[in-house]
Amino acid sequence: MITAIILIAIISGTFIILNWFLPFKICPICAGVSGSWLILTAGIVFGQWPGDYKLPIAMLMGGTVVGIAFQGEAKFGWAKKSIYTWKAPVIIFGMPVAFWLLKNMSPTIFVAEVISSVLLIYVFFIKSSRSGDRVDSGHVTELEKKMKNCC
């Protein structure tokens, strides 16, 4: 478990620094948690980790599912309208998917996890930082309307 915590700290710290230079911001905790279980999974799949890391991987994968639910709600205005629009479906379907990925670890599954992670990074951090579908821009527009109608 200490290995997972150290990995989270190193990866999160790396992304705190990278965010100073990147044109988009990536959540350091998201990167730390997801990156840790990906590294641990790679270590198991490719025979580089001598210990049993399945429990920490399972916990970190669950954290990633919850993080996806949170990020979707934070980044997309339509996801914030109801818990049943985004958050509940992500948790209900994401937890069994994470369990399945854990139980079926293989090089092929690992590659699919990496590809999925890259797509999620693009959708939640890169694309949403460029698009007008962010909650912030909707919130700013709402505040501007309220200010115009203020007096």
N, C-alpha and C. Protein backbone atom coordinates (compact mmCIF):
# COMPACT_ATOMS: atom_id res chain seq x y z
N MET A 1 0.82 -1.20 0.00
CA MET A 1 0.00 0.00 0.00
C MET A 1 0.87 1.26 0.00
N ILE A 2 2.00 1.18 0.68
CA ILE A 2 2.89 2.34 0.74
C ILE A 2 3.40 2.70 -0.66
N THR A 3 3.60 1.69 -1.50
CA THR A 3 4.04 1.94 -2.88
C THR A 3 3.00 2.78 -3.62
N ALA A 4 1.73 2.44 -3.44
CA ALA A 4 0.65 3.18 -4.10
C ALA A 4 0.62 4.63 -3.61
N ILE A 5 0.78 4.84 -2.32
CA ILE A 5 0.75 6.19 -1.76
C ILE A 5 1.93 7.01 -2.28
N ILE A 6 3.10 6.39 -2.34
CA ILE A 6 4.28 7.09 -2.87
C ILE A 6 4.07 7.45 -4.34
N LEU A 7 3.52 6.51 -5.11
CA LEU A 7 3.24 6.80 -6.52
C LEU A 7 2.26 7.96 -6.67
N ILE A 8 1.20 7.97 -5.87
CA ILE A 8 0.22 9.06 -5.93
C ILE A 8 0.92 10.39 -5.66
N ALA A 9 1.75 10.42 -4.63
CA ALA A 9 2.46 11.66 -4.28
C ALA A 9 3.38 12.12 -5.40
N ILE A 10 4.13 11.21 -5.97
CA ILE A 10 5.08 11.58 -7.03
C ILE A 10 4.34 12.07 -8.28
N ILE A 11 3.34 11.31 -8.71
CA ILE A 11 2.61 11.68 -9.92
C ILE A 11 1.83 12.98 -9.71
N SER A 12 1.19 13.14 -8.55
CA SER A 12 0.45 14.38 -8.27
C SER A 12 1.40 15.57 -8.25
N GLY A 13 2.54 15.41 -7.59
CA GLY A 13 3.53 16.49 -7.56
C GLY A 13 4.03 16.86 -8.94
N THR A 14 4.24 15.84 -9.76
CA THR A 14 4.67 16.08 -11.14
C THR A 14 3.63 16.90 -11.90
N PHE A 15 2.35 16.59 -11.71
CA PHE A 15 1.31 17.32 -12.44
C PHE A 15 1.07 18.71 -11.86
N ILE A 16 1.36 18.89 -10.59
CA ILE A 16 1.29 20.26 -10.05
C ILE A 16 2.29 21.13 -10.79
N ILE A 17 3.48 20.61 -10.99
CA ILE A 17 4.53 21.37 -11.71
C ILE A 17 4.19 21.49 -13.20
N LEU A 18 3.76 20.39 -13.83
CA LEU A 18 3.41 20.44 -15.25
C LEU A 18 2.30 21.45 -15.54
N ASN A 19 1.36 21.60 -14.61
CA ASN A 19 0.25 22.53 -14.82
C ASN A 19 0.71 23.98 -14.95
N TRP A 20 1.91 24.29 -14.46
CA TRP A 20 2.45 25.64 -14.65
C TRP A 20 2.77 25.90 -16.11
N PHE A 21 3.06 24.85 -16.86
CA PHE A 21 3.53 24.99 -18.24
C PHE A 21 2.51 24.55 -19.29
N LEU A 22 1.58 23.67 -18.94
CA LEU A 22 0.62 23.17 -19.91
C LEU A 22 -0.41 24.23 -20.28
N PRO A 23 -0.89 24.23 -21.52
CA PRO A 23 -1.93 25.20 -21.91
C PRO A 23 -3.30 24.82 -21.34
N PHE A 24 -3.42 23.65 -20.75
CA PHE A 24 -4.64 23.19 -20.10
C PHE A 24 -4.22 22.65 -18.74
N LYS A 25 -5.16 22.54 -17.84
CA LYS A 25 -4.86 22.06 -16.49
C LYS A 25 -5.41 20.65 -16.30
N ILE A 26 -4.57 19.78 -15.72
CA ILE A 26 -4.98 18.42 -15.39
C ILE A 26 -5.01 18.31 -13.88
N CYS A 27 -6.08 17.79 -13.34
CA CYS A 27 -6.22 17.62 -11.90
C CYS A 27 -5.08 16.73 -11.37
N PRO A 28 -4.23 17.25 -10.50
CA PRO A 28 -3.09 16.45 -10.01
C PRO A 28 -3.52 15.20 -9.25
N ILE A 29 -4.61 15.30 -8.48
CA ILE A 29 -5.08 14.13 -7.73
C ILE A 29 -5.61 13.08 -8.70
N CYS A 30 -6.36 13.51 -9.71
CA CYS A 30 -6.85 12.56 -10.72
C CYS A 30 -5.68 11.85 -11.40
N ALA A 31 -4.68 12.63 -11.78
CA ALA A 31 -3.51 12.05 -12.43
C ALA A 31 -2.77 11.11 -11.49
N GLY A 32 -2.65 11.49 -10.22
CA GLY A 32 -1.94 10.66 -9.25
C GLY A 32 -2.63 9.34 -9.00
N VAL A 33 -3.94 9.39 -8.80
CA VAL A 33 -4.69 8.16 -8.52
C VAL A 33 -4.73 7.27 -9.75
N SER A 34 -5.12 7.82 -10.89
CA SER A 34 -5.21 7.01 -12.12
C SER A 34 -3.84 6.51 -12.57
N GLY A 35 -2.86 7.39 -12.52
CA GLY A 35 -1.51 6.99 -12.91
C GLY A 35 -0.96 5.89 -12.02
N SER A 36 -1.28 5.95 -10.74
CA SER A 36 -0.79 4.93 -9.81
C SER A 36 -1.35 3.56 -10.12
N TRP A 37 -2.67 3.47 -10.33
CA TRP A 37 -3.19 2.14 -10.61
C TRP A 37 -2.77 1.65 -11.99
N LEU A 38 -2.56 2.57 -12.93
CA LEU A 38 -2.04 2.14 -14.23
C LEU A 38 -0.61 1.60 -14.11
N ILE A 39 0.22 2.27 -13.35
CA ILE A 39 1.60 1.80 -13.16
C ILE A 39 1.62 0.47 -12.42
N LEU A 40 0.83 0.37 -11.36
CA LEU A 40 0.78 -0.90 -10.61
C LEU A 40 0.24 -2.03 -11.48
N THR A 41 -0.78 -1.73 -12.28
CA THR A 41 -1.32 -2.75 -13.19
C THR A 41 -0.26 -3.18 -14.19
N ALA A 42 0.46 -2.22 -14.76
CA ALA A 42 1.54 -2.55 -15.70
C ALA A 42 2.58 -3.43 -15.02
N GLY A 43 2.91 -3.11 -13.79
CA GLY A 43 3.88 -3.91 -13.06
C GLY A 43 3.44 -5.35 -12.87
N ILE A 44 2.17 -5.54 -12.58
CA ILE A 44 1.65 -6.90 -12.42
C ILE A 44 1.58 -7.61 -13.77
N VAL A 45 1.01 -6.95 -14.76
CA VAL A 45 0.82 -7.56 -16.08
C VAL A 45 2.14 -7.96 -16.72
N PHE A 46 3.14 -7.10 -16.56
CA PHE A 46 4.42 -7.37 -17.19
C PHE A 46 5.45 -7.98 -16.23
N GLY A 47 4.97 -8.43 -15.05
CA GLY A 47 5.80 -9.20 -14.13
C GLY A 47 6.91 -8.43 -13.44
N GLN A 48 6.75 -7.14 -13.21
CA GLN A 48 7.79 -6.33 -12.59
C GLN A 48 7.58 -6.07 -11.10
N TRP A 49 6.37 -6.27 -10.58
CA TRP A 49 6.09 -6.05 -9.17
C TRP A 49 6.02 -7.40 -8.47
N PRO A 50 6.86 -7.63 -7.49
CA PRO A 50 6.87 -8.93 -6.83
C PRO A 50 5.70 -9.14 -5.87
N GLY A 51 5.12 -8.07 -5.33
CA GLY A 51 4.07 -8.21 -4.33
C GLY A 51 2.68 -8.28 -4.92
N ASP A 52 1.70 -8.40 -4.03
CA ASP A 52 0.30 -8.43 -4.45
C ASP A 52 -0.28 -7.03 -4.28
N TYR A 53 -0.58 -6.38 -5.38
CA TYR A 53 -1.07 -5.00 -5.36
C TYR A 53 -2.53 -4.90 -5.81
N LYS A 54 -3.24 -6.01 -5.82
CA LYS A 54 -4.61 -5.96 -6.35
C LYS A 54 -5.56 -5.14 -5.46
N LEU A 55 -5.40 -5.21 -4.16
CA LEU A 55 -6.27 -4.41 -3.29
C LEU A 55 -6.04 -2.91 -3.49
N PRO A 56 -4.78 -2.43 -3.46
CA PRO A 56 -4.60 -0.99 -3.74
C PRO A 56 -5.09 -0.60 -5.13
N ILE A 57 -4.88 -1.48 -6.12
CA ILE A 57 -5.37 -1.17 -7.48
C ILE A 57 -6.89 -1.05 -7.47
N ALA A 58 -7.56 -1.96 -6.79
CA ALA A 58 -9.03 -1.92 -6.72
C ALA A 58 -9.50 -0.62 -6.06
N MET A 59 -8.84 -0.24 -4.98
CA MET A 59 -9.23 1.00 -4.30
C MET A 59 -9.00 2.22 -5.19
N LEU A 60 -7.87 2.24 -5.86
CA LEU A 60 -7.55 3.37 -6.74
C LEU A 60 -8.48 3.42 -7.95
N MET A 61 -8.83 2.25 -8.50
CA MET A 61 -9.78 2.22 -9.62
C MET A 61 -11.14 2.76 -9.18
N GLY A 62 -11.58 2.39 -7.99
CA GLY A 62 -12.83 2.93 -7.46
C GLY A 62 -12.77 4.44 -7.32
N GLY A 63 -11.61 4.94 -6.86
CA GLY A 63 -11.42 6.38 -6.76
C GLY A 63 -11.49 7.05 -8.12
N THR A 64 -10.97 6.38 -9.14
CA THR A 64 -11.03 6.92 -10.49
C THR A 64 -12.48 6.99 -10.99
N VAL A 65 -13.26 5.98 -10.69
CA VAL A 65 -14.67 5.99 -11.10
C VAL A 65 -15.39 7.17 -10.45
N VAL A 66 -15.15 7.37 -9.16
CA VAL A 66 -15.77 8.50 -8.46
C VAL A 66 -15.24 9.82 -9.03
N GLY A 67 -13.96 9.86 -9.36
CA GLY A 67 -13.38 11.06 -9.97
C GLY A 67 -14.00 11.38 -11.32
N ILE A 68 -14.28 10.35 -12.11
CA ILE A 68 -14.94 10.56 -13.40
C ILE A 68 -16.34 11.14 -13.18
N ALA A 69 -17.04 10.62 -12.18
CA ALA A 69 -18.37 11.14 -11.87
C ALA A 69 -18.28 12.61 -11.45
N PHE A 70 -17.31 12.94 -10.63
CA PHE A 70 -17.12 14.32 -10.17
C PHE A 70 -16.71 15.24 -11.31
N GLN A 71 -15.73 14.81 -12.10
CA GLN A 71 -15.23 15.67 -13.19
C GLN A 71 -16.32 15.93 -14.23
N GLY A 72 -17.10 14.92 -14.55
CA GLY A 72 -18.18 15.12 -15.51
C GLY A 72 -19.18 16.14 -15.03
N GLU A 73 -19.52 16.04 -13.76
CA GLU A 73 -20.47 16.99 -13.20
C GLU A 73 -19.87 18.40 -13.15
N ALA A 74 -18.58 18.49 -12.87
CA ALA A 74 -17.93 19.80 -12.79
C ALA A 74 -17.69 20.43 -14.16
N LYS A 75 -17.48 19.62 -15.19
CA LYS A 75 -17.10 20.15 -16.50
C LYS A 75 -18.26 20.37 -17.44
N PHE A 76 -19.33 19.62 -17.29
CA PHE A 76 -20.43 19.69 -18.25
C PHE A 76 -21.71 20.15 -17.56
N GLY A 77 -22.25 21.26 -18.04
CA GLY A 77 -23.45 21.83 -17.44
C GLY A 77 -24.62 20.86 -17.42
N TRP A 78 -24.80 20.11 -18.49
CA TRP A 78 -25.93 19.18 -18.56
C TRP A 78 -25.81 18.09 -17.50
N ALA A 79 -24.60 17.74 -17.07
CA ALA A 79 -24.42 16.67 -16.09
C ALA A 79 -24.78 17.14 -14.68
N LYS A 80 -24.85 18.43 -14.49
CA LYS A 80 -25.12 18.99 -13.17
C LYS A 80 -26.61 19.07 -12.86
N LYS A 81 -27.45 18.89 -13.88
CA LYS A 81 -28.88 19.08 -13.70
C LYS A 81 -29.52 18.09 -12.74
N SER A 82 -29.04 16.86 -12.75
CA SER A 82 -29.60 15.83 -11.88
C SER A 82 -28.55 14.77 -11.60
N ILE A 83 -28.60 14.21 -10.42
CA ILE A 83 -27.67 13.14 -10.06
C ILE A 83 -27.85 11.93 -10.98
N TYR A 84 -29.05 11.78 -11.53
CA TYR A 84 -29.35 10.64 -12.39
C TYR A 84 -28.92 10.84 -13.84
N THR A 85 -28.51 12.05 -14.17
CA THR A 85 -28.06 12.35 -15.53
C THR A 85 -26.65 11.83 -15.78
N TRP A 86 -25.77 12.00 -14.80
CA TRP A 86 -24.37 11.64 -15.00
C TRP A 86 -23.81 10.82 -13.85
N LYS A 87 -23.87 11.37 -12.66
CA LYS A 87 -23.15 10.79 -11.53
C LYS A 87 -23.60 9.36 -11.21
N ALA A 88 -24.88 9.13 -11.05
CA ALA A 88 -25.36 7.78 -10.71
C ALA A 88 -25.03 6.76 -11.80
N PRO A 89 -25.28 7.06 -13.09
CA PRO A 89 -24.92 6.07 -14.11
C PRO A 89 -23.42 5.76 -14.16
N VAL A 90 -22.58 6.78 -13.96
CA VAL A 90 -21.14 6.54 -13.98
C VAL A 90 -20.75 5.60 -12.84
N ILE A 91 -21.27 5.84 -11.65
CA ILE A 91 -20.94 4.98 -10.50
C ILE A 91 -21.52 3.58 -10.69
N ILE A 92 -22.77 3.49 -11.10
CA ILE A 92 -23.44 2.19 -11.24
C ILE A 92 -22.77 1.32 -12.31
N PHE A 93 -22.37 1.92 -13.41
CA PHE A 93 -21.72 1.14 -14.47
C PHE A 93 -20.20 1.10 -14.32
N GLY A 94 -19.63 2.15 -13.76
CA GLY A 94 -18.17 2.22 -13.65
C GLY A 94 -17.57 1.25 -12.65
N MET A 95 -18.22 1.04 -11.53
CA MET A 95 -17.67 0.13 -10.52
C MET A 95 -17.59 -1.32 -11.04
N PRO A 96 -18.63 -1.85 -11.67
CA PRO A 96 -18.49 -3.20 -12.23
C PRO A 96 -17.45 -3.27 -13.34
N VAL A 97 -17.33 -2.22 -14.13
CA VAL A 97 -16.31 -2.21 -15.18
C VAL A 97 -14.92 -2.23 -14.55
N ALA A 98 -14.71 -1.44 -13.51
CA ALA A 98 -13.41 -1.44 -12.82
C ALA A 98 -13.12 -2.82 -12.24
N PHE A 99 -14.13 -3.45 -11.66
CA PHE A 99 -13.94 -4.80 -11.11
C PHE A 99 -13.58 -5.79 -12.21
N TRP A 100 -14.26 -5.69 -13.33
CA TRP A 100 -13.98 -6.59 -14.46
C TRP A 100 -12.55 -6.39 -14.97
N LEU A 101 -12.14 -5.13 -15.09
CA LEU A 101 -10.78 -4.83 -15.53
C LEU A 101 -9.75 -5.43 -14.58
N LEU A 102 -10.02 -5.33 -13.29
CA LEU A 102 -9.12 -5.88 -12.29
C LEU A 102 -9.04 -7.40 -12.38
N LYS A 103 -10.17 -8.04 -12.53
CA LYS A 103 -10.21 -9.51 -12.57
C LYS A 103 -9.64 -10.08 -13.86
N ASN A 104 -9.60 -9.29 -14.91
CA ASN A 104 -9.15 -9.78 -16.22
C ASN A 104 -7.87 -9.08 -16.68
N MET A 105 -6.97 -8.81 -15.76
CA MET A 105 -5.72 -8.13 -16.12
C MET A 105 -4.96 -8.93 -17.16
N SER A 106 -4.56 -8.22 -18.20
CA SER A 106 -3.75 -8.81 -19.27
C SER A 106 -3.12 -7.65 -20.04
N PRO A 107 -2.13 -7.93 -20.87
CA PRO A 107 -1.56 -6.84 -21.68
C PRO A 107 -2.60 -6.14 -22.55
N THR A 108 -3.52 -6.90 -23.11
CA THR A 108 -4.56 -6.30 -23.96
C THR A 108 -5.47 -5.38 -23.15
N ILE A 109 -5.89 -5.85 -21.98
CA ILE A 109 -6.74 -5.03 -21.11
C ILE A 109 -5.98 -3.78 -20.67
N PHE A 110 -4.70 -3.94 -20.37
CA PHE A 110 -3.89 -2.79 -19.96
C PHE A 110 -3.84 -1.73 -21.07
N VAL A 111 -3.64 -2.16 -22.30
CA VAL A 111 -3.62 -1.21 -23.43
C VAL A 111 -4.98 -0.52 -23.54
N ALA A 112 -6.06 -1.25 -23.35
CA ALA A 112 -7.40 -0.64 -23.39
C ALA A 112 -7.56 0.38 -22.26
N GLU A 113 -7.01 0.09 -21.08
CA GLU A 113 -7.07 1.03 -19.96
C GLU A 113 -6.31 2.31 -20.28
N VAL A 114 -5.15 2.17 -20.89
CA VAL A 114 -4.34 3.34 -21.25
C VAL A 114 -5.07 4.18 -22.29
N ILE A 115 -5.62 3.54 -23.30
CA ILE A 115 -6.36 4.27 -24.34
C ILE A 115 -7.57 4.98 -23.73
N SER A 116 -8.30 4.29 -22.86
CA SER A 116 -9.46 4.90 -22.20
C SER A 116 -9.03 6.09 -21.35
N SER A 117 -7.92 5.95 -20.66
CA SER A 117 -7.42 7.05 -19.82
C SER A 117 -7.06 8.26 -20.66
N VAL A 118 -6.41 8.04 -21.78
CA VAL A 118 -6.05 9.14 -22.68
C VAL A 118 -7.30 9.84 -23.20
N LEU A 119 -8.31 9.06 -23.57
CA LEU A 119 -9.57 9.66 -24.04
C LEU A 119 -10.24 10.47 -22.94
N LEU A 120 -10.25 9.95 -21.71
CA LEU A 120 -10.85 10.68 -20.60
C LEU A 120 -10.08 11.96 -20.29
N ILE A 121 -8.75 11.90 -20.37
CA ILE A 121 -7.94 13.11 -20.17
C ILE A 121 -8.31 14.15 -21.23
N TYR A 122 -8.46 13.71 -22.46
CA TYR A 122 -8.83 14.63 -23.52
C TYR A 122 -10.20 15.26 -23.25
N VAL A 123 -11.18 14.44 -22.94
CA VAL A 123 -12.55 14.95 -22.76
C VAL A 123 -12.66 15.85 -21.54
N PHE A 124 -12.09 15.44 -20.41
CA PHE A 124 -12.29 16.19 -19.17
C PHE A 124 -11.33 17.35 -18.97
N PHE A 125 -10.16 17.30 -19.56
CA PHE A 125 -9.19 18.34 -19.27
C PHE A 125 -8.76 19.16 -20.48
N ILE A 126 -8.59 18.53 -21.62
CA ILE A 126 -8.12 19.28 -22.78
C ILE A 126 -9.29 19.90 -23.53
N LYS A 127 -10.24 19.08 -23.96
CA LYS A 127 -11.38 19.58 -24.73
C LYS A 127 -12.24 20.54 -23.89
N SER A 128 -12.50 20.19 -22.65
CA SER A 128 -13.36 21.05 -21.84
C SER A 128 -12.70 22.39 -21.52
N SER A 129 -11.37 22.44 -21.55
CA SER A 129 -10.70 23.73 -21.31
C SER A 129 -10.81 24.63 -22.53
N ARG A 130 -11.11 24.06 -23.69
CA ARG A 130 -11.22 24.84 -24.93
C ARG A 130 -12.66 25.13 -25.32
N SER A 131 -13.59 24.32 -24.84
CA SER A 131 -14.98 24.44 -25.32
C SER A 131 -15.78 25.39 -24.45
N GLY A 132 -16.93 25.75 -24.94
CA GLY A 132 -17.85 26.60 -24.18
C GLY A 132 -18.79 25.78 -23.33
N ASP A 133 -18.58 24.47 -23.23
CA ASP A 133 -19.49 23.60 -22.49
C ASP A 133 -19.10 23.51 -21.02
N ARG A 134 -18.24 24.37 -20.57
CA ARG A 134 -17.82 24.32 -19.18
C ARG A 134 -18.86 24.96 -18.28
N VAL A 135 -18.93 24.51 -17.06
CA VAL A 135 -19.84 25.08 -16.09
C VAL A 135 -19.46 26.52 -15.82
N ASP A 136 -18.16 26.83 -15.78
CA ASP A 136 -17.69 28.18 -15.50
C ASP A 136 -18.28 29.19 -16.47
N SER A 137 -18.23 28.89 -17.78
CA SER A 137 -18.73 29.84 -18.76
C SER A 137 -20.24 30.01 -18.62
N GLY A 138 -20.96 28.95 -18.32
CA GLY A 138 -22.39 29.05 -18.09
C GLY A 138 -22.68 29.84 -16.83
N HIS A 139 -21.85 29.63 -15.82
CA HIS A 139 -22.00 30.35 -14.56
C HIS A 139 -21.73 31.84 -14.75
N VAL A 140 -20.73 32.16 -15.52
CA VAL A 140 -20.39 33.56 -15.80
C VAL A 140 -21.54 34.23 -16.54
N THR A 141 -22.09 33.55 -17.54
CA THR A 141 -23.22 34.10 -18.30
C THR A 141 -24.41 34.35 -17.38
N GLU A 142 -24.68 33.41 -16.49
CA GLU A 142 -25.79 33.56 -15.55
C GLU A 142 -25.56 34.75 -14.62
N LEU A 143 -24.34 34.91 -14.13
CA LEU A 143 -24.03 36.05 -13.27
C LEU A 143 -24.15 37.37 -14.02
N GLU A 144 -23.72 37.40 -15.28
CA GLU A 144 -23.85 38.61 -16.08
C GLU A 144 -25.31 39.02 -16.24
N LYS A 145 -26.18 38.03 -16.49
CA LYS A 145 -27.61 38.32 -16.63
C LYS A 145 -28.17 38.88 -15.33
N LYS A 146 -27.78 38.28 -14.21
CA LYS A 146 -28.27 38.75 -12.91
C LYS A 146 -27.79 40.17 -12.63
N MET A 147 -26.55 40.47 -13.01
CA MET A 147 -26.02 41.80 -12.78
C MET A 147 -26.74 42.85 -13.64
N LYS A 148 -27.11 42.49 -14.88
CA LYS A 148 -27.84 43.41 -15.76
C LYS A 148 -29.21 43.72 -15.20
N ASN A 149 -29.84 42.71 -14.57
CA ASN A 149 -31.18 42.87 -14.02
C ASN A 149 -31.17 43.35 -12.57
N CYS A 150 -30.00 43.70 -12.09
CA CYS A 150 -29.85 44.03 -10.67
C CYS A 150 -30.61 45.29 -10.28
N CYS A 151 -30.45 46.35 -11.04
CA CYS A 151 -30.99 47.65 -10.58
C CYS A 151 -32.10 48.16 -11.43
